Each structure stands twice: as C-alpha cells, then as structure tokens.
Amino acid sequence: MEFLQAILVTPFVSMWENPEFLLEVIIGGLLTGVMYSLVALGFVLIYKASGVFNFAQGTMVLFAALTFVGLLERGLPIWASFLVAALAMIAIAFLIERFMLRPLVNQEPIILFMATIGLTYLLDGFGEIVWGGDVHPLDIGIPNDPLMIGGILVNEFDLVAALVCGVLVAGLAVLFQKTAIGRALRAVADDHQAALSVGIPLKTIWVIVWSVAGIVGLVAGILWGSNLGVQFSISLVALKALPVLILGGLTSVPGAIVGGLIVGSGEKVAEVFWAPATGGAIEDWFAYALALIFLLFRPQGLFGERIIERV
C-alpha cells in the first residue's frame, strides 16, 4: 500500500506543491525535446524520400560530430570545420547513393534496412580509425549558465540549442511542404518507378535528402557533443529519436517535432518526480516505455497515416 501511494499519490502532490519548479522541469524537457526532434527529422527525411528506415542515422550524427571536432583540434576555425564536415557528409551521401541505394532500387524494405545496419558499423569503424576512440571535449562558445526568465530558471545552452534546432526544423518543414523539391521527395517515397516515369531524377533526390540528413546530423552532433563531449555514446543518445518517431509517426515532419517535445518533457518530469519512488534512472527507459504503449494502441503514431489493407 505504501509503495502504491509513493508511485501514484506522492509525485502528484510534489508537482502541485511547487508549480514554479514543475514549470522549470517541463521547460527544460521541452528544450531537450527539440534536440531529439532534430535527430528524428533525419530518420523522417530519409524514410520519406527513399523508403529506407536508416538505422545508421545515429552513427551519422556521431561521425559528423567527430569530423567537426577533429578538424577543430587540428587548428581549423569553427566555420571552416563546419563547412568541411558538411562537405564530408555530402560526399558520404554520394557514396551511399552510388554503392548502396542504386543497386537496391525496389528491393524489399528489410534488405534496405539490413544495408543501413551494415552502414552503421562501417561508419562507426571508419570514424574510430580516422579520429580515434577517445572522448573529445567540444566548446563552441555557448554559455552553460542558468538564466532567470520571468522567475523561471532556464539553462542558457539549452535555450540557444533549442533556438537553433527550432529554426532548422521550421526550415525543413517548409522545404517538405512548400517547395518543388519537397513534392519530388514525397513522390519518390510513394513509388520509385512511378517517380522515374514522370521525369523525377531519383539519384539526385536521394543525394539531396541524404545530404540534408547528414547536415542535420552534423548540427545535432555538435549540440549534443557540446553538452556531453563527442564520444561514441552519442550514437546511442541519437537512438532516443526512435521513440520520438513512434509517437509522432515515421512519415511526419510535424510528428517528429511534437514527439520530441512529448518525450523530452515527459522523461524530465518522470525523472524528477517519480525517480525517488522507483530507484531512479527513469530518464533512460521512459521514452521506450511510452513508445511501447503507443505501439499497442496507435502504432502509426499521432500524425502517421493509418494503413488500411483491403482483402
């Protein structure tokens, strides 16, 4: 009985006894959730354009961050390191299109998925060979101090990172919904052969979308690396985007945003108010438990398209 009270009653009492602190926790979670959304967008972009669930997206985030910090450590300025790292991700997109996607056009989704698993280990090993396996501290000049805004404490780094991510997310949403490239991306996602038959250059579209996903991964890797240090565990942090995709829907850009906000705020609230009663570490598994619930009751996510099969 005491355990049930600690789980069901005490956290809610603590939340409403200190609403200002609850608001601080929620805001901090929302800011973290925006960064989750940024990583999830890489998955959405590639899936919408090539029909591939890119298991390697987390490793792309890591490899891009390793390239950026490695160039910084060798004396390049920040802007030059970012430019070269972005060009490296574009080059990787060309190689992926030529040697992985082109030979596997119209193959079964599981074959493409397995190819991205192979790509994960390839980039992982190549990154370690080139840049080493040590933790690389990264400081890009964003302060990590608390700010008092309207009586609410907000971390300055989280605020700047969320602003950067928000601008990038909004730009990508406009790209997909309002431009000719976005319409071509959606057409390619629906049917590769049909898109080719109406003159949409499949190779070009794939290179564009994998390049954009790589650059998105670069921004996400820099922000996560500034917070945690650039290390191989970043690729595991990036996989937190998977529950975001399940919540928002694998094909939805707005869903990636909303899913990230739900996961970010939910796990922070759970960690702060429920961890004392459950032994802690809720933040590590909360998103996956929430995703499991969504899979049981709404597997297509909040914004995903419901699949109807007629027999």
Protein backbone atom coordinates (compact mmCIF):
# COMPACT_ATOMS: atom_id res chain seq x y z
CA MET A 1 0.00 0.00 0.00
CA GLU A 2 2.80 2.38 0.85
CA PHE A 3 4.51 1.59 -2.44
CA LEU A 4 1.34 2.36 -4.42
CA GLN A 5 0.94 5.62 -2.56
CA ALA A 6 4.55 6.54 -3.31
CA ILE A 7 4.00 5.80 -7.01
CA LEU A 8 0.51 7.17 -7.55
CA VAL A 9 -0.01 9.91 -5.00
CA THR A 10 3.26 11.41 -3.72
CA PRO A 11 4.64 12.54 -7.12
CA PHE A 12 1.43 14.39 -7.98
CA VAL A 13 1.39 16.07 -4.58
CA SER A 14 5.01 17.17 -5.06
CA MET A 15 4.23 18.53 -8.52
CA TRP A 16 1.36 20.73 -7.43
CA GLU A 17 3.01 21.89 -4.22
CA ASN A 18 5.70 23.66 -6.27
CA PRO A 19 4.22 24.71 -9.64
CA GLU A 20 7.16 27.04 -10.44
CA PHE A 21 9.61 24.14 -10.16
CA LEU A 22 7.29 21.93 -12.22
CA LEU A 23 7.27 24.59 -14.94
CA GLU A 24 11.08 24.76 -14.87
CA VAL A 25 11.30 20.98 -15.31
CA ILE A 26 8.80 20.98 -18.18
CA ILE A 27 10.58 23.84 -19.98
CA GLY A 28 13.93 22.10 -19.59
CA GLY A 29 12.41 18.93 -21.00
CA LEU A 30 10.86 20.78 -23.95
CA LEU A 31 14.21 22.33 -24.82
CA THR A 32 15.85 18.89 -24.74
CA GLY A 33 12.96 17.51 -26.78
CA VAL A 34 13.69 19.95 -29.59
CA MET A 35 17.13 18.36 -29.97
CA TYR A 36 15.50 14.91 -30.03
CA SER A 37 13.25 16.22 -32.80
CA LEU A 38 16.26 17.32 -34.81
CA VAL A 39 17.72 13.81 -34.78
CA ALA A 40 14.32 12.28 -35.54
CA LEU A 41 13.99 14.53 -38.58
CA GLY A 42 16.99 12.79 -40.13
CA PHE A 43 15.10 9.48 -39.94
CA VAL A 44 11.93 11.07 -41.35
CA LEU A 45 13.71 12.77 -44.25
CA ILE A 46 15.39 9.59 -45.44
CA TYR A 47 12.33 7.41 -44.95
CA LYS A 48 10.06 9.80 -46.85
CA ALA A 49 12.45 10.10 -49.80
CA SER A 50 13.85 6.60 -50.17
CA GLY A 51 11.55 4.35 -48.15
CA VAL A 52 14.54 3.31 -46.03
CA PHE A 53 14.48 3.19 -42.24
CA ASN A 54 18.02 4.45 -41.74
CA PHE A 55 19.37 2.63 -38.70
CA ALA A 56 22.68 4.42 -39.35
CA GLN A 57 21.31 7.88 -38.55
CA GLY A 58 22.73 7.82 -35.02
CA THR A 59 26.15 6.86 -36.36
CA MET A 60 25.91 9.62 -38.97
CA VAL A 61 25.36 12.09 -36.11
CA LEU A 62 28.43 10.69 -34.36
CA PHE A 63 30.63 10.65 -37.48
CA ALA A 64 29.69 14.23 -38.39
CA ALA A 65 30.47 15.43 -34.84
CA LEU A 66 33.78 13.52 -34.81
CA THR A 67 34.78 15.11 -38.12
CA PHE A 68 33.89 18.58 -36.85
CA VAL A 69 35.75 18.29 -33.54
CA GLY A 70 38.70 16.50 -35.18
CA LEU A 71 39.18 19.40 -37.59
CA LEU A 72 38.86 21.88 -34.72
CA GLU A 73 41.60 20.05 -32.82
CA ARG A 74 43.84 20.32 -35.87
CA GLY A 75 43.60 24.09 -35.88
CA LEU A 76 40.75 24.91 -38.27
CA PRO A 77 38.36 27.68 -37.21
CA ILE A 78 34.79 26.78 -36.33
CA TRP A 79 33.27 27.95 -39.61
CA ALA A 80 35.83 26.08 -41.71
CA SER A 81 35.41 22.91 -39.61
CA PHE A 82 31.65 23.08 -40.06
CA LEU A 83 31.97 23.62 -43.81
CA VAL A 84 34.42 20.74 -44.30
CA ALA A 85 32.35 18.42 -42.09
CA ALA A 86 29.21 19.32 -44.08
CA LEU A 87 31.06 18.60 -47.33
CA ALA A 88 32.17 15.26 -45.87
CA MET A 89 28.54 14.33 -45.14
CA ILE A 90 27.56 15.32 -48.69
CA ALA A 91 30.36 13.12 -50.03
CA ILE A 92 29.07 10.24 -47.90
CA ALA A 93 25.59 10.83 -49.36
CA PHE A 94 27.01 10.47 -52.89
CA LEU A 95 28.76 7.23 -51.92
CA ILE A 96 25.64 5.82 -50.25
CA GLU A 97 23.54 6.58 -53.33
CA ARG A 98 26.06 5.07 -55.72
CA PHE A 99 27.07 1.93 -53.85
CA MET A 100 24.08 1.13 -51.60
CA LEU A 101 20.82 2.66 -52.84
CA ARG A 102 21.24 2.41 -56.61
CA PRO A 103 21.89 -1.35 -56.65
CA LEU A 104 18.96 -1.94 -54.26
CA VAL A 105 16.22 0.05 -56.03
CA ASN A 106 12.80 -1.57 -55.47
CA GLN A 107 14.20 -4.28 -53.20
CA GLU A 108 12.29 -5.39 -50.12
CA PRO A 109 12.39 -2.91 -47.20
CA ILE A 110 14.11 -5.46 -44.96
CA ILE A 111 17.03 -5.64 -47.43
CA LEU A 112 17.46 -1.86 -47.34
CA PHE A 113 17.18 -1.89 -43.55
CA MET A 114 19.91 -4.52 -43.28
CA ALA A 115 22.07 -2.40 -45.60
CA THR A 116 21.78 0.54 -43.19
CA ILE A 117 22.86 -1.73 -40.32
CA GLY A 118 25.99 -2.54 -42.33
CA LEU A 119 26.45 1.19 -42.97
CA THR A 120 26.26 1.78 -39.20
CA TYR A 121 29.23 -0.47 -38.47
CA LEU A 122 31.16 0.83 -41.49
CA LEU A 123 30.88 4.48 -40.40
CA ASP A 124 31.50 3.51 -36.77
CA GLY A 125 34.73 1.73 -37.59
CA PHE A 126 35.89 4.32 -40.12
CA GLY A 127 35.27 7.13 -37.64
CA GLU A 128 37.32 5.36 -34.98
CA ILE A 129 40.18 4.72 -37.44
CA VAL A 130 40.32 8.34 -38.58
CA TRP A 131 39.57 10.23 -35.36
CA GLY A 132 40.29 7.72 -32.58
CA GLY A 133 38.07 6.38 -29.83
CA ASP A 134 38.75 8.96 -27.10
CA VAL A 135 36.23 11.43 -25.73
CA HIS A 136 36.68 14.81 -27.44
CA PRO A 137 35.59 17.83 -25.37
CA LEU A 138 33.84 20.42 -27.51
CA ASP A 139 33.28 24.08 -26.71
CA ILE A 140 31.67 26.22 -29.41
CA GLY A 141 31.25 29.25 -27.18
CA ILE A 142 27.67 28.75 -25.97
CA PRO A 143 27.45 29.54 -22.24
CA ASN A 144 26.08 26.85 -19.95
CA ASP A 145 24.81 29.16 -17.22
CA PRO A 146 21.31 29.36 -15.71
CA LEU A 147 19.16 32.31 -16.73
CA MET A 148 16.24 33.74 -14.77
CA ILE A 149 13.38 34.47 -17.21
CA GLY A 150 10.08 35.55 -15.69
CA GLY A 151 11.01 33.93 -12.40
CA ILE A 152 11.83 30.60 -14.13
CA LEU A 153 15.36 29.18 -14.27
CA VAL A 154 16.37 28.15 -17.78
CA ASN A 155 19.74 26.79 -18.89
CA GLU A 156 21.28 29.18 -21.43
CA PHE A 157 22.83 26.39 -23.51
CA ASP A 158 19.50 24.55 -23.75
CA LEU A 159 17.79 27.77 -24.81
CA VAL A 160 20.30 28.54 -27.60
CA ALA A 161 20.34 24.91 -28.76
CA ALA A 162 16.55 24.81 -28.90
CA LEU A 163 16.50 28.06 -30.88
CA VAL A 164 18.99 26.69 -33.43
CA CYS A 165 17.08 23.41 -33.71
CA GLY A 166 13.75 25.22 -33.99
CA VAL A 167 14.96 27.35 -36.89
CA LEU A 168 16.35 24.30 -38.68
CA VAL A 169 13.20 22.25 -38.06
CA ALA A 170 10.99 25.06 -39.37
CA GLY A 171 13.15 25.39 -42.48
CA LEU A 172 12.94 21.66 -43.18
CA ALA A 173 9.18 21.67 -42.68
CA VAL A 174 8.84 24.45 -45.26
CA LEU A 175 11.17 22.56 -47.63
CA PHE A 176 8.97 19.47 -47.49
CA GLN A 177 5.59 21.14 -47.63
CA LYS A 178 6.02 24.20 -49.84
CA THR A 179 8.74 23.56 -52.43
CA ALA A 180 9.09 21.60 -55.67
CA ILE A 181 11.90 19.57 -54.11
CA GLY A 182 9.60 18.62 -51.25
CA ARG A 183 6.91 17.44 -53.67
CA ALA A 184 9.51 15.43 -55.58
CA LEU A 185 10.68 13.86 -52.32
CA ARG A 186 7.14 12.78 -51.49
CA ALA A 187 6.64 11.38 -54.99
CA VAL A 188 9.83 9.33 -54.73
CA ALA A 189 8.74 7.99 -51.36
CA ASP A 190 5.41 6.81 -52.78
CA ASP A 191 6.81 4.89 -55.77
CA HIS A 192 10.36 4.86 -57.14
CA GLN A 193 9.45 3.65 -60.62
CA ALA A 194 6.47 5.99 -60.97
CA ALA A 195 8.65 8.94 -59.96
CA LEU A 196 11.20 7.96 -62.61
CA SER A 197 8.48 7.67 -65.25
CA VAL A 198 7.42 11.30 -64.76
CA GLY A 199 10.97 12.60 -65.01
CA ILE A 200 11.96 12.95 -61.34
CA PRO A 201 15.72 12.26 -61.09
CA LEU A 202 15.85 9.55 -58.46
CA LYS A 203 19.61 9.69 -57.97
CA THR A 204 19.57 13.45 -57.43
CA ILE A 205 16.70 13.30 -54.94
CA TRP A 206 18.43 10.59 -52.92
CA VAL A 207 21.70 12.51 -52.79
CA ILE A 208 19.87 15.67 -51.70
CA VAL A 209 17.92 14.01 -48.93
CA TRP A 210 20.86 12.01 -47.54
CA SER A 211 22.99 15.17 -47.69
CA VAL A 212 20.34 17.14 -45.79
CA ALA A 213 20.03 14.33 -43.24
CA GLY A 214 23.82 14.33 -42.85
CA ILE A 215 23.95 18.09 -42.28
CA VAL A 216 21.04 17.83 -39.81
CA GLY A 217 23.04 15.11 -38.08
CA LEU A 218 26.07 17.41 -38.02
CA VAL A 219 24.14 20.17 -36.23
CA ALA A 220 22.65 17.65 -33.79
CA GLY A 221 26.08 16.09 -33.16
CA ILE A 222 27.67 19.46 -32.45
CA LEU A 223 24.95 20.39 -29.97
CA TRP A 224 24.97 17.02 -28.20
CA GLY A 225 28.78 16.96 -28.29
CA SER A 226 28.97 20.40 -26.70
CA ASN A 227 26.80 19.11 -23.89
CA LEU A 228 28.21 15.59 -23.40
CA GLY A 229 31.56 15.62 -25.18
CA VAL A 230 31.97 13.99 -28.58
CA GLN A 231 32.09 10.28 -27.79
CA PHE A 232 30.75 7.06 -29.21
CA SER A 233 27.81 7.03 -26.78
CA ILE A 234 26.32 9.92 -28.81
CA SER A 235 25.09 7.38 -31.34
CA LEU A 236 23.10 5.74 -28.51
CA VAL A 237 21.69 9.09 -27.42
CA ALA A 238 20.64 9.65 -31.02
CA LEU A 239 18.64 6.42 -30.91
CA LYS A 240 16.36 8.17 -28.40
CA ALA A 241 14.85 9.55 -31.60
CA LEU A 242 13.26 6.13 -32.23
CA PRO A 243 10.56 6.59 -29.54
CA VAL A 244 10.05 10.09 -30.93
CA LEU A 245 9.32 8.58 -34.35
CA ILE A 246 6.90 6.03 -32.87
CA LEU A 247 4.99 8.79 -31.06
CA GLY A 248 4.90 11.26 -33.93
CA GLY A 249 4.74 8.96 -36.93
CA LEU A 250 7.55 7.78 -39.19
CA THR A 251 6.43 9.86 -42.17
CA SER A 252 5.52 13.11 -40.46
CA VAL A 253 7.78 16.15 -40.03
CA PRO A 254 5.34 17.83 -37.57
CA GLY A 255 5.10 14.46 -35.81
CA ALA A 256 8.86 14.41 -35.24
CA ILE A 257 8.60 17.82 -33.60
CA VAL A 258 5.62 17.01 -31.38
CA GLY A 259 7.02 13.58 -30.50
CA GLY A 260 10.32 15.13 -29.44
CA LEU A 261 8.56 17.63 -27.18
CA ILE A 262 6.46 14.88 -25.57
CA VAL A 263 9.44 12.63 -24.95
CA GLY A 264 11.70 15.43 -23.69
CA SER A 265 9.22 16.91 -21.24
CA GLY A 266 7.81 13.53 -20.17
CA GLU A 267 11.15 11.97 -19.29
CA LYS A 268 12.28 15.05 -17.32
CA VAL A 269 9.09 15.16 -15.27
CA ALA A 270 9.28 11.40 -14.67
CA GLU A 271 12.93 11.57 -13.62
CA VAL A 272 12.44 14.46 -11.21
CA PHE A 273 9.14 13.46 -9.57
CA TRP A 274 8.93 9.66 -9.92
CA ALA A 275 12.61 8.66 -9.64
CA PRO A 276 12.73 8.90 -5.79
CA ALA A 277 9.95 6.31 -5.54
CA THR A 278 11.31 3.91 -8.18
CA GLY A 279 15.05 3.97 -7.58
CA GLY A 280 16.00 6.47 -10.30
CA ALA A 281 17.20 6.17 -13.90
CA ILE A 282 13.66 6.64 -15.27
CA GLU A 283 15.06 9.01 -17.88
CA ASP A 284 16.91 6.10 -19.53
CA TRP A 285 13.83 3.98 -20.24
CA PHE A 286 10.80 6.28 -20.00
CA ALA A 287 10.74 7.13 -23.73
CA TYR A 288 10.86 3.47 -24.73
CA ALA A 289 8.07 2.51 -22.32
CA LEU A 290 5.94 5.35 -23.69
CA ALA A 291 6.70 4.18 -27.25
CA LEU A 292 5.59 0.65 -26.32
CA ILE A 293 2.23 1.97 -25.15
CA PHE A 294 1.81 3.84 -28.45
CA LEU A 295 2.68 0.70 -30.41
CA LEU A 296 -0.08 -1.16 -28.60
CA PHE A 297 -2.82 1.44 -29.11
CA ARG A 298 -1.75 3.67 -32.02
CA PRO A 299 1.11 2.03 -33.94
CA GLN A 300 1.08 4.64 -36.73
CA GLY A 301 1.79 7.45 -34.23
CA LEU A 302 -0.06 10.70 -33.64
CA PHE A 303 0.48 12.09 -37.16
CA GLY A 304 1.26 8.93 -39.12
CA GLU A 305 -1.02 7.64 -41.86
CA ARG A 306 -3.29 4.79 -40.85
CA ILE A 307 -2.58 1.76 -43.02
CA ILE A 308 -5.74 0.07 -44.29
CA GLU A 309 -5.36 -3.24 -46.10
CA ARG A 310 -8.34 -4.44 -48.08
CA VAL A 311 -8.65 -8.13 -48.75
